[in-house]
Amino acid sequence: MILGSAGITTSIVGNAIGSSSRDIGTLCTHNNINKWSKHKPIRYNKVEGLSDEEFKGTSGDNSLGIYYGIKASTSAGNYNQLHDTNFDYIGKPNGGELSPFRLGDFRGYDTNAVPTLTGEITNLAYTNVPKSFNCSVIYDYTGSNTTGIDFRELINTDGDAIKFENYYPCILVGDYARGLFNEYNSQQTSIKFNNAWYNKFYADISSGNFPTSYINTKQTCTLFLTRNLYVEGGITDLRNWQYVKDKANAYNAFAVPNAVAKKVEIKNYRTYTILEAIKCIRESNGVKLTLYFPEGRPQTSTSYIIGIESPGSGSKKWEYSTSSIPVMSISFTWSELGILPIPNQTYTVSGSITNGGNLVSNFNFDNI
């Protein structure tokens, strides 16, 4: 629901945020307010309505990393403080002389607004598996998100010539940070590179002085954007892993929503390559699974056991050989599954793939 620019009443606002109160102060400080909406009550020393520019907040709030009432940046602090970026809605008005309540702040309020920038971080990574420490930087570059907080406006407030699209995605792992690599070309690029936007990146933990003490542990990880990977003189050098605890981030670094203080398990090695069953079809005499290596094919021959648990049960050993291109499929007859199929009845085909006793992946296909 998006509230209009005219005819705002306490009833309209109360219904939008799920409050039975018709008190302006109660509505302007209600816990149900969607913090990601650009238009919502914020503290500002002004009685009349705010302009779009004023909704970004006062210069004093901006200097504290507060934009649109949200604690969105730790640009005046240290790198390791990025783990504490909670995007809390701390800029609500208090009704005092310098921070009056304005019901009109709800004009253009969107109950379903989301930020224009979000991120994702894997929960498991291996030092010897390229691209296993994968991350996503998801930005609405189309401009269709007009009601949510636009991180481009936050980052560009410094007036610097380096704009949002030229910022580099980075990862803070414990007390170490490094620029991410673009999955497309395996280079450390900005989120827009050669006139194209990218959202798939990964952290290289096999080189660049990644701390060995972090291996076989769970580390707190935060995705962030920075305008420079390297600053001459060694102030900042995120081209490789750098110890950044208590190190001032002199060049603005912005944490990415949904990707703050995530726990990632970092393991020393994995003895197998992931193999997945991505398709299942019914054949006249059984079922056929289509197989796929999502991270690339193994460098050496290796064997997998594909087991079907339903319907019936059965398993087959499937070996990948580097000497030839394998047929990436495997079939099970009804007899091998130990069932007599009923005509016109569909089945759920589920099971797992293992390698040397290690669970590699699971699969589940309905209506086969």
Protein backbone atom coordinates (compact mmCIF):
# COMPACT_ATOMS: atom_id res chain seq x y z
CA MET A 1 0.00 0.00 0.00
CA ILE A 2 1.33 3.43 -0.99
CA LEU A 3 -0.27 6.45 0.65
CA GLY A 4 -1.17 9.34 -1.61
CA SER A 5 0.18 12.86 -1.54
CA ALA A 6 -3.11 14.40 -0.40
CA GLY A 7 -5.88 13.70 2.09
CA ILE A 8 -3.64 12.11 4.73
CA THR A 9 -5.61 11.44 7.93
CA THR A 10 -4.87 9.65 11.16
CA SER A 11 -7.34 6.92 10.12
CA ILE A 12 -5.58 6.35 6.79
CA VAL A 13 -2.19 6.22 8.46
CA GLY A 14 -3.42 4.01 11.31
CA ASN A 15 -4.92 1.51 8.87
CA ALA A 16 -1.71 1.49 6.79
CA ILE A 17 0.58 0.68 9.71
CA GLY A 18 -1.88 -1.51 11.62
CA SER A 19 -2.56 0.80 14.55
CA SER A 20 -5.90 1.61 16.17
CA SER A 21 -4.47 4.84 17.59
CA ARG A 22 -5.45 8.16 16.09
CA ASP A 23 -2.85 10.11 18.00
CA ILE A 24 -0.31 11.75 15.71
CA GLY A 25 2.60 11.23 18.10
CA THR A 26 1.79 7.56 18.53
CA LEU A 27 1.51 7.05 14.77
CA CYS A 28 4.75 8.90 14.00
CA THR A 29 6.73 6.69 16.41
CA HIS A 30 4.92 3.38 15.86
CA ASN A 31 6.99 0.20 15.70
CA ASN A 32 5.09 -0.98 12.60
CA ILE A 33 6.43 1.80 10.39
CA ASN A 34 8.35 0.31 7.46
CA LYS A 35 11.83 1.76 7.93
CA TRP A 36 12.78 1.19 4.28
CA SER A 37 10.17 3.62 2.95
CA LYS A 38 11.80 6.88 1.83
CA HIS A 39 8.80 8.82 3.07
CA LYS A 40 8.08 8.28 6.75
CA PRO A 41 8.36 10.36 9.95
CA ILE A 42 11.89 11.59 10.65
CA ARG A 43 13.35 14.12 13.07
CA TYR A 44 13.69 17.51 11.44
CA ASN A 45 13.41 21.02 12.86
CA LYS A 46 10.51 22.06 10.66
CA VAL A 47 6.75 22.21 11.22
CA GLU A 48 5.63 22.27 7.60
CA GLY A 49 6.06 19.41 5.14
CA LEU A 50 9.49 18.19 4.06
CA SER A 51 10.95 18.22 0.57
CA ASP A 52 12.39 15.06 -0.97
CA GLU A 53 15.87 16.39 -0.23
CA GLU A 54 14.97 17.07 3.42
CA PHE A 55 13.71 13.51 3.86
CA LYS A 56 17.35 12.42 3.59
CA GLY A 57 17.86 14.02 6.99
CA THR A 58 19.80 16.90 8.46
CA SER A 59 23.49 17.41 7.75
CA GLY A 60 24.12 16.52 11.38
CA ASP A 61 22.40 13.16 11.00
CA ASN A 62 24.12 12.51 7.68
CA SER A 63 27.51 13.06 9.30
CA LEU A 64 26.60 10.29 11.74
CA GLY A 65 25.68 7.93 8.91
CA ILE A 66 21.93 8.45 9.37
CA TYR A 67 19.97 8.83 6.15
CA TYR A 68 16.19 8.76 5.81
CA GLY A 69 16.14 8.11 9.55
CA ILE A 70 18.16 4.90 9.13
CA LYS A 71 21.60 4.24 10.63
CA ALA A 72 22.97 3.19 7.26
CA SER A 73 26.66 4.06 7.32
CA THR A 74 29.69 3.91 9.57
CA SER A 75 31.74 6.10 7.25
CA ALA A 76 33.12 8.10 10.17
CA GLY A 77 34.26 4.96 12.01
CA ASN A 78 36.39 1.85 11.54
CA TYR A 79 36.10 -1.07 9.16
CA ASN A 80 35.34 -3.61 11.88
CA GLN A 81 32.34 -1.51 12.94
CA LEU A 82 30.65 -2.52 9.70
CA HIS A 83 29.67 -5.75 11.47
CA ASP A 84 27.54 -3.60 13.79
CA THR A 85 25.62 -1.81 11.04
CA ASN A 86 22.05 -2.67 11.97
CA PHE A 87 20.13 -0.20 9.77
CA ASP A 88 18.02 0.69 12.80
CA TYR A 89 15.33 3.32 12.39
CA ILE A 90 16.74 5.72 14.96
CA GLY A 91 15.75 9.01 13.35
CA LYS A 92 12.13 9.12 14.50
CA PRO A 93 10.78 12.49 15.71
CA ASN A 94 10.23 12.98 19.44
CA GLY A 95 7.60 15.70 19.32
CA GLY A 96 9.85 18.33 20.87
CA GLU A 97 10.34 21.86 19.64
CA LEU A 98 13.28 20.82 17.46
CA SER A 99 11.69 17.57 16.29
CA PRO A 100 7.94 18.04 15.81
CA PHE A 101 5.51 15.34 14.73
CA ARG A 102 4.25 15.78 11.15
CA LEU A 103 1.47 13.52 9.90
CA GLY A 104 2.35 14.74 6.41
CA ASP A 105 5.58 12.73 6.56
CA PHE A 106 3.41 9.75 5.64
CA ARG A 107 2.61 11.20 2.20
CA GLY A 108 4.11 8.70 -0.25
CA TYR A 109 4.72 6.14 2.52
CA ASP A 110 4.91 2.56 1.21
CA THR A 111 4.09 -0.32 3.53
CA ASN A 112 5.96 -2.73 1.23
CA ALA A 113 9.00 -0.62 0.37
CA VAL A 114 12.39 -2.34 0.19
CA PRO A 115 15.88 -0.84 -0.19
CA THR A 116 17.35 -0.58 -3.66
CA LEU A 117 20.42 -2.51 -2.48
CA THR A 118 20.53 -5.91 -0.78
CA GLY A 119 23.06 -8.69 -0.55
CA GLU A 120 23.56 -12.39 0.13
CA ILE A 121 26.50 -14.34 1.55
CA THR A 122 27.04 -18.09 1.43
CA ASN A 123 27.06 -19.94 4.77
CA LEU A 124 29.83 -22.41 3.83
CA ALA A 125 33.10 -21.94 1.93
CA TYR A 126 36.16 -24.09 1.18
CA THR A 127 39.71 -22.85 0.76
CA ASN A 128 40.39 -25.20 -2.16
CA VAL A 129 37.13 -24.75 -4.08
CA PRO A 130 37.21 -21.75 -6.42
CA LYS A 131 34.24 -19.41 -6.06
CA SER A 132 32.74 -21.35 -3.15
CA PHE A 133 32.77 -18.17 -1.02
CA ASN A 134 30.10 -16.62 -3.20
CA CYS A 135 28.23 -13.38 -2.59
CA SER A 136 25.50 -11.44 -4.36
CA VAL A 137 25.15 -7.68 -4.61
CA ILE A 138 21.62 -7.04 -5.81
CA TYR A 139 20.80 -3.50 -6.92
CA ASP A 140 17.74 -2.14 -8.68
CA TYR A 141 19.55 -0.17 -11.37
CA THR A 142 16.36 0.15 -13.45
CA GLY A 143 14.96 2.92 -11.28
CA SER A 144 11.67 1.07 -10.84
CA ASN A 145 12.05 1.09 -7.05
CA THR A 146 10.87 4.63 -6.35
CA THR A 147 9.57 4.23 -2.80
CA GLY A 148 12.44 2.40 -1.10
CA ILE A 149 15.62 3.99 0.24
CA ASP A 150 18.01 4.42 -2.68
CA PHE A 151 21.58 3.66 -1.66
CA ARG A 152 22.84 5.56 -4.67
CA GLU A 153 21.64 8.73 -2.98
CA LEU A 154 23.40 7.81 0.26
CA ILE A 155 26.74 7.12 -1.35
CA ASN A 156 26.66 10.07 -3.70
CA THR A 157 26.07 12.61 -0.93
CA ASP A 158 29.80 13.25 -0.56
CA GLY A 159 29.91 15.00 -3.92
CA ASP A 160 32.79 12.80 -5.03
CA ALA A 161 33.31 12.13 -8.71
CA ILE A 162 33.35 8.40 -7.96
CA LYS A 163 29.67 7.52 -8.00
CA PHE A 164 27.73 4.54 -6.76
CA GLU A 165 28.10 2.46 -9.91
CA ASN A 166 31.89 2.65 -9.56
CA TYR A 167 32.00 1.31 -6.01
CA TYR A 168 33.73 -2.00 -5.35
CA PRO A 169 32.01 -4.86 -3.49
CA CYS A 170 34.11 -6.16 -0.58
CA ILE A 171 33.80 -8.66 2.24
CA LEU A 172 34.75 -8.20 5.88
CA VAL A 173 35.62 -11.60 7.40
CA GLY A 174 36.26 -11.31 11.10
CA ASP A 175 38.91 -8.57 11.26
CA TYR A 176 40.14 -8.98 7.68
CA ALA A 177 38.75 -7.40 4.52
CA ARG A 178 39.30 -7.82 0.80
CA GLY A 179 37.73 -6.76 -2.48
CA LEU A 180 35.53 -9.39 -4.12
CA PHE A 181 36.08 -10.87 -7.56
CA ASN A 182 33.55 -10.58 -10.36
CA GLU A 183 32.30 -14.09 -11.18
CA TYR A 184 32.03 -13.07 -14.83
CA ASN A 185 35.72 -12.34 -15.43
CA SER A 186 37.47 -13.27 -12.13
CA GLN A 187 38.68 -9.69 -11.71
CA GLN A 188 38.13 -7.21 -8.90
CA THR A 189 35.69 -4.87 -10.57
CA SER A 190 33.11 -2.31 -9.51
CA ILE A 191 29.44 -3.32 -9.54
CA LYS A 192 29.14 -1.69 -12.97
CA PHE A 193 31.97 -2.63 -15.30
CA ASN A 194 32.30 -1.95 -19.02
CA ASN A 195 28.75 -0.54 -19.06
CA ALA A 196 27.23 -3.70 -17.56
CA TRP A 197 25.85 -4.27 -14.05
CA TYR A 198 26.98 -7.37 -12.16
CA ASN A 199 25.64 -9.02 -9.01
CA LYS A 200 27.60 -12.28 -8.69
CA PHE A 201 30.93 -12.02 -6.87
CA TYR A 202 33.16 -14.26 -4.79
CA ALA A 203 35.90 -14.01 -2.17
CA ASP A 204 39.22 -15.67 -2.95
CA ILE A 205 40.27 -17.38 0.30
CA SER A 206 42.95 -19.54 -1.30
CA SER A 207 45.45 -16.70 -1.68
CA GLY A 208 46.21 -13.13 -0.75
CA ASN A 209 47.29 -13.82 2.84
CA PHE A 210 43.96 -15.14 4.06
CA PRO A 211 44.49 -15.83 7.81
CA THR A 212 45.06 -19.52 8.46
CA SER A 213 43.60 -19.11 11.95
CA TYR A 214 40.17 -18.63 10.32
CA ILE A 215 40.22 -22.02 8.61
CA ASN A 216 37.88 -24.61 10.14
CA THR A 217 36.05 -21.91 12.09
CA LYS A 218 32.86 -19.89 11.75
CA GLN A 219 33.52 -16.23 11.08
CA THR A 220 31.31 -13.14 11.17
CA CYS A 221 31.10 -11.73 7.65
CA THR A 222 29.72 -8.47 6.27
CA LEU A 223 29.33 -7.41 2.66
CA PHE A 224 30.17 -3.77 1.95
CA LEU A 225 30.89 -1.31 -0.83
CA THR A 226 33.88 1.01 -0.97
CA ARG A 227 34.94 3.59 -3.51
CA ASN A 228 38.63 2.59 -3.57
CA LEU A 229 40.33 -0.77 -3.15
CA TYR A 230 43.71 0.92 -2.99
CA VAL A 231 44.85 4.29 -1.72
CA GLU A 232 48.44 5.27 -2.35
CA GLY A 233 50.59 5.16 0.75
CA GLY A 234 49.03 2.02 2.18
CA ILE A 235 46.11 3.76 3.89
CA THR A 236 43.88 1.21 2.22
CA ASP A 237 44.82 -1.82 0.15
CA LEU A 238 41.93 -4.22 -0.24
CA ARG A 239 43.36 -5.85 -3.34
CA ASN A 240 44.58 -8.53 -0.92
CA TRP A 241 43.41 -9.57 2.52
CA GLN A 242 44.14 -6.77 4.97
CA TYR A 243 43.89 -6.69 8.77
CA VAL A 244 41.47 -3.82 9.40
CA LYS A 245 40.54 -4.07 13.07
CA ASP A 246 40.38 -0.52 14.47
CA LYS A 247 41.59 0.76 11.10
CA ALA A 248 39.80 3.94 10.10
CA ASN A 249 37.93 3.63 6.87
CA ALA A 250 38.97 6.98 5.51
CA TYR A 251 37.17 6.33 2.25
CA ASN A 252 33.48 5.67 2.72
CA ALA A 253 32.46 2.06 3.21
CA PHE A 254 28.79 1.13 3.23
CA ALA A 255 27.45 -2.16 4.58
CA VAL A 256 24.91 -3.95 2.38
CA PRO A 257 21.46 -4.71 3.87
CA ASN A 258 20.65 -8.40 4.53
CA ALA A 259 24.38 -9.22 4.40
CA VAL A 260 25.62 -7.92 7.75
CA ALA A 261 27.24 -10.05 10.48
CA LYS A 262 26.43 -13.34 8.74
CA LYS A 263 28.12 -16.50 10.03
CA VAL A 264 30.17 -18.36 7.42
CA GLU A 265 31.80 -21.71 8.10
CA ILE A 266 35.22 -21.84 6.47
CA LYS A 267 36.69 -25.28 5.85
CA ASN A 268 40.15 -26.28 4.77
CA TYR A 269 39.22 -28.57 1.94
CA ARG A 270 36.53 -30.66 0.32
CA THR A 271 37.50 -33.96 -1.21
CA TYR A 272 34.65 -34.02 -3.71
CA THR A 273 33.11 -31.74 -6.30
CA ILE A 274 29.40 -30.94 -5.97
CA LEU A 275 27.18 -33.01 -8.26
CA GLU A 276 23.48 -32.24 -8.46
CA ALA A 277 20.46 -33.93 -10.04
CA ILE A 278 18.70 -31.08 -11.81
CA LYS A 279 16.01 -32.89 -13.80
CA CYS A 280 13.98 -36.09 -13.64
CA ILE A 281 11.83 -37.57 -16.39
CA ARG A 282 9.70 -40.67 -16.49
CA GLU A 283 10.59 -43.29 -19.05
CA SER A 284 8.61 -46.31 -20.17
CA ASN A 285 10.69 -48.62 -18.01
CA GLY A 286 11.73 -46.30 -15.17
CA VAL A 287 13.09 -42.81 -14.48
CA LYS A 288 16.12 -40.86 -15.68
CA LEU A 289 18.04 -38.23 -13.72
CA THR A 290 20.02 -35.46 -15.41
CA LEU A 291 23.23 -34.59 -13.54
CA TYR A 292 25.21 -31.34 -13.37
CA PHE A 293 28.42 -30.02 -11.77
CA PRO A 294 27.45 -26.46 -10.65
CA GLU A 295 31.04 -25.51 -9.76
CA GLY A 296 32.72 -27.07 -12.78
CA ARG A 297 33.77 -30.64 -13.48
CA PRO A 298 36.34 -32.41 -11.28
CA GLN A 299 39.97 -32.33 -12.34
CA THR A 300 40.39 -36.07 -11.68
CA SER A 301 38.24 -39.17 -11.97
CA THR A 302 35.85 -39.56 -9.08
CA SER A 303 32.89 -41.77 -8.22
CA TYR A 304 29.46 -40.89 -6.91
CA ILE A 305 26.63 -43.03 -5.62
CA ILE A 306 23.20 -41.85 -6.70
CA GLY A 307 20.55 -43.31 -4.43
CA ILE A 308 16.80 -43.09 -4.88
CA GLU A 309 14.82 -43.43 -1.67
CA SER A 310 11.33 -42.82 -3.09
CA PRO A 311 9.61 -44.44 -4.87
CA GLY A 312 11.04 -47.73 -3.79
CA SER A 313 14.78 -47.67 -3.23
CA GLY A 314 17.90 -48.30 -5.24
CA SER A 315 21.37 -46.96 -5.88
CA LYS A 316 23.95 -46.87 -8.65
CA LYS A 317 27.60 -45.98 -8.77
CA TRP A 318 28.36 -43.33 -11.36
CA GLU A 319 31.96 -42.46 -12.25
CA TYR A 320 33.16 -39.25 -13.81
CA SER A 321 36.21 -39.78 -16.02
CA THR A 322 38.45 -36.96 -17.21
CA SER A 323 39.43 -38.96 -20.29
CA SER A 324 36.07 -38.54 -21.98
CA ILE A 325 32.95 -36.41 -21.90
CA PRO A 326 30.50 -38.31 -19.71
CA VAL A 327 26.85 -38.81 -20.40
CA MET A 328 25.45 -36.56 -17.69
CA SER A 329 22.49 -38.74 -16.86
CA ILE A 330 21.66 -41.97 -15.13
CA SER A 331 18.58 -44.20 -15.41
CA PHE A 332 16.85 -46.49 -12.92
CA THR A 333 14.42 -49.15 -14.09
CA TRP A 334 11.25 -49.82 -12.11
CA SER A 335 12.69 -53.24 -11.34
CA GLU A 336 15.86 -51.68 -9.92
CA LEU A 337 13.68 -49.50 -7.71
CA GLY A 338 11.72 -52.54 -6.57
CA ILE A 339 8.27 -51.27 -7.55
CA LEU A 340 5.60 -52.09 -10.09
CA PRO A 341 4.38 -48.73 -11.43
CA ILE A 342 0.66 -48.03 -11.61
CA PRO A 343 -0.48 -46.52 -14.94
CA ASN A 344 -1.50 -42.83 -14.78
CA GLN A 345 -0.17 -42.49 -11.23
CA THR A 346 2.58 -39.94 -10.61
CA TYR A 347 5.44 -40.42 -8.17
CA THR A 348 7.79 -38.33 -6.08
CA VAL A 349 11.38 -39.21 -6.87
CA SER A 350 13.73 -38.23 -4.05
CA GLY A 351 17.15 -39.32 -2.92
CA SER A 352 20.73 -38.24 -2.43
CA ILE A 353 24.18 -38.22 -4.01
CA THR A 354 27.23 -39.25 -1.99
CA ASN A 355 30.98 -39.41 -2.53
CA GLY A 356 33.12 -41.60 -0.31
CA GLY A 357 30.41 -41.60 2.34
CA ASN A 358 30.05 -37.79 2.23
CA LEU A 359 26.67 -36.32 1.41
CA VAL A 360 27.10 -34.25 -1.75
CA SER A 361 23.53 -33.15 -2.50
CA ASN A 362 19.87 -34.11 -2.21
CA PHE A 363 17.14 -34.11 -4.83
CA ASN A 364 13.34 -34.18 -4.84
CA PHE A 365 11.09 -34.17 -7.90
CA ASP A 366 7.29 -34.25 -7.75
CA ASN A 367 4.69 -35.51 -10.24
CA ILE A 368 6.99 -37.83 -12.17
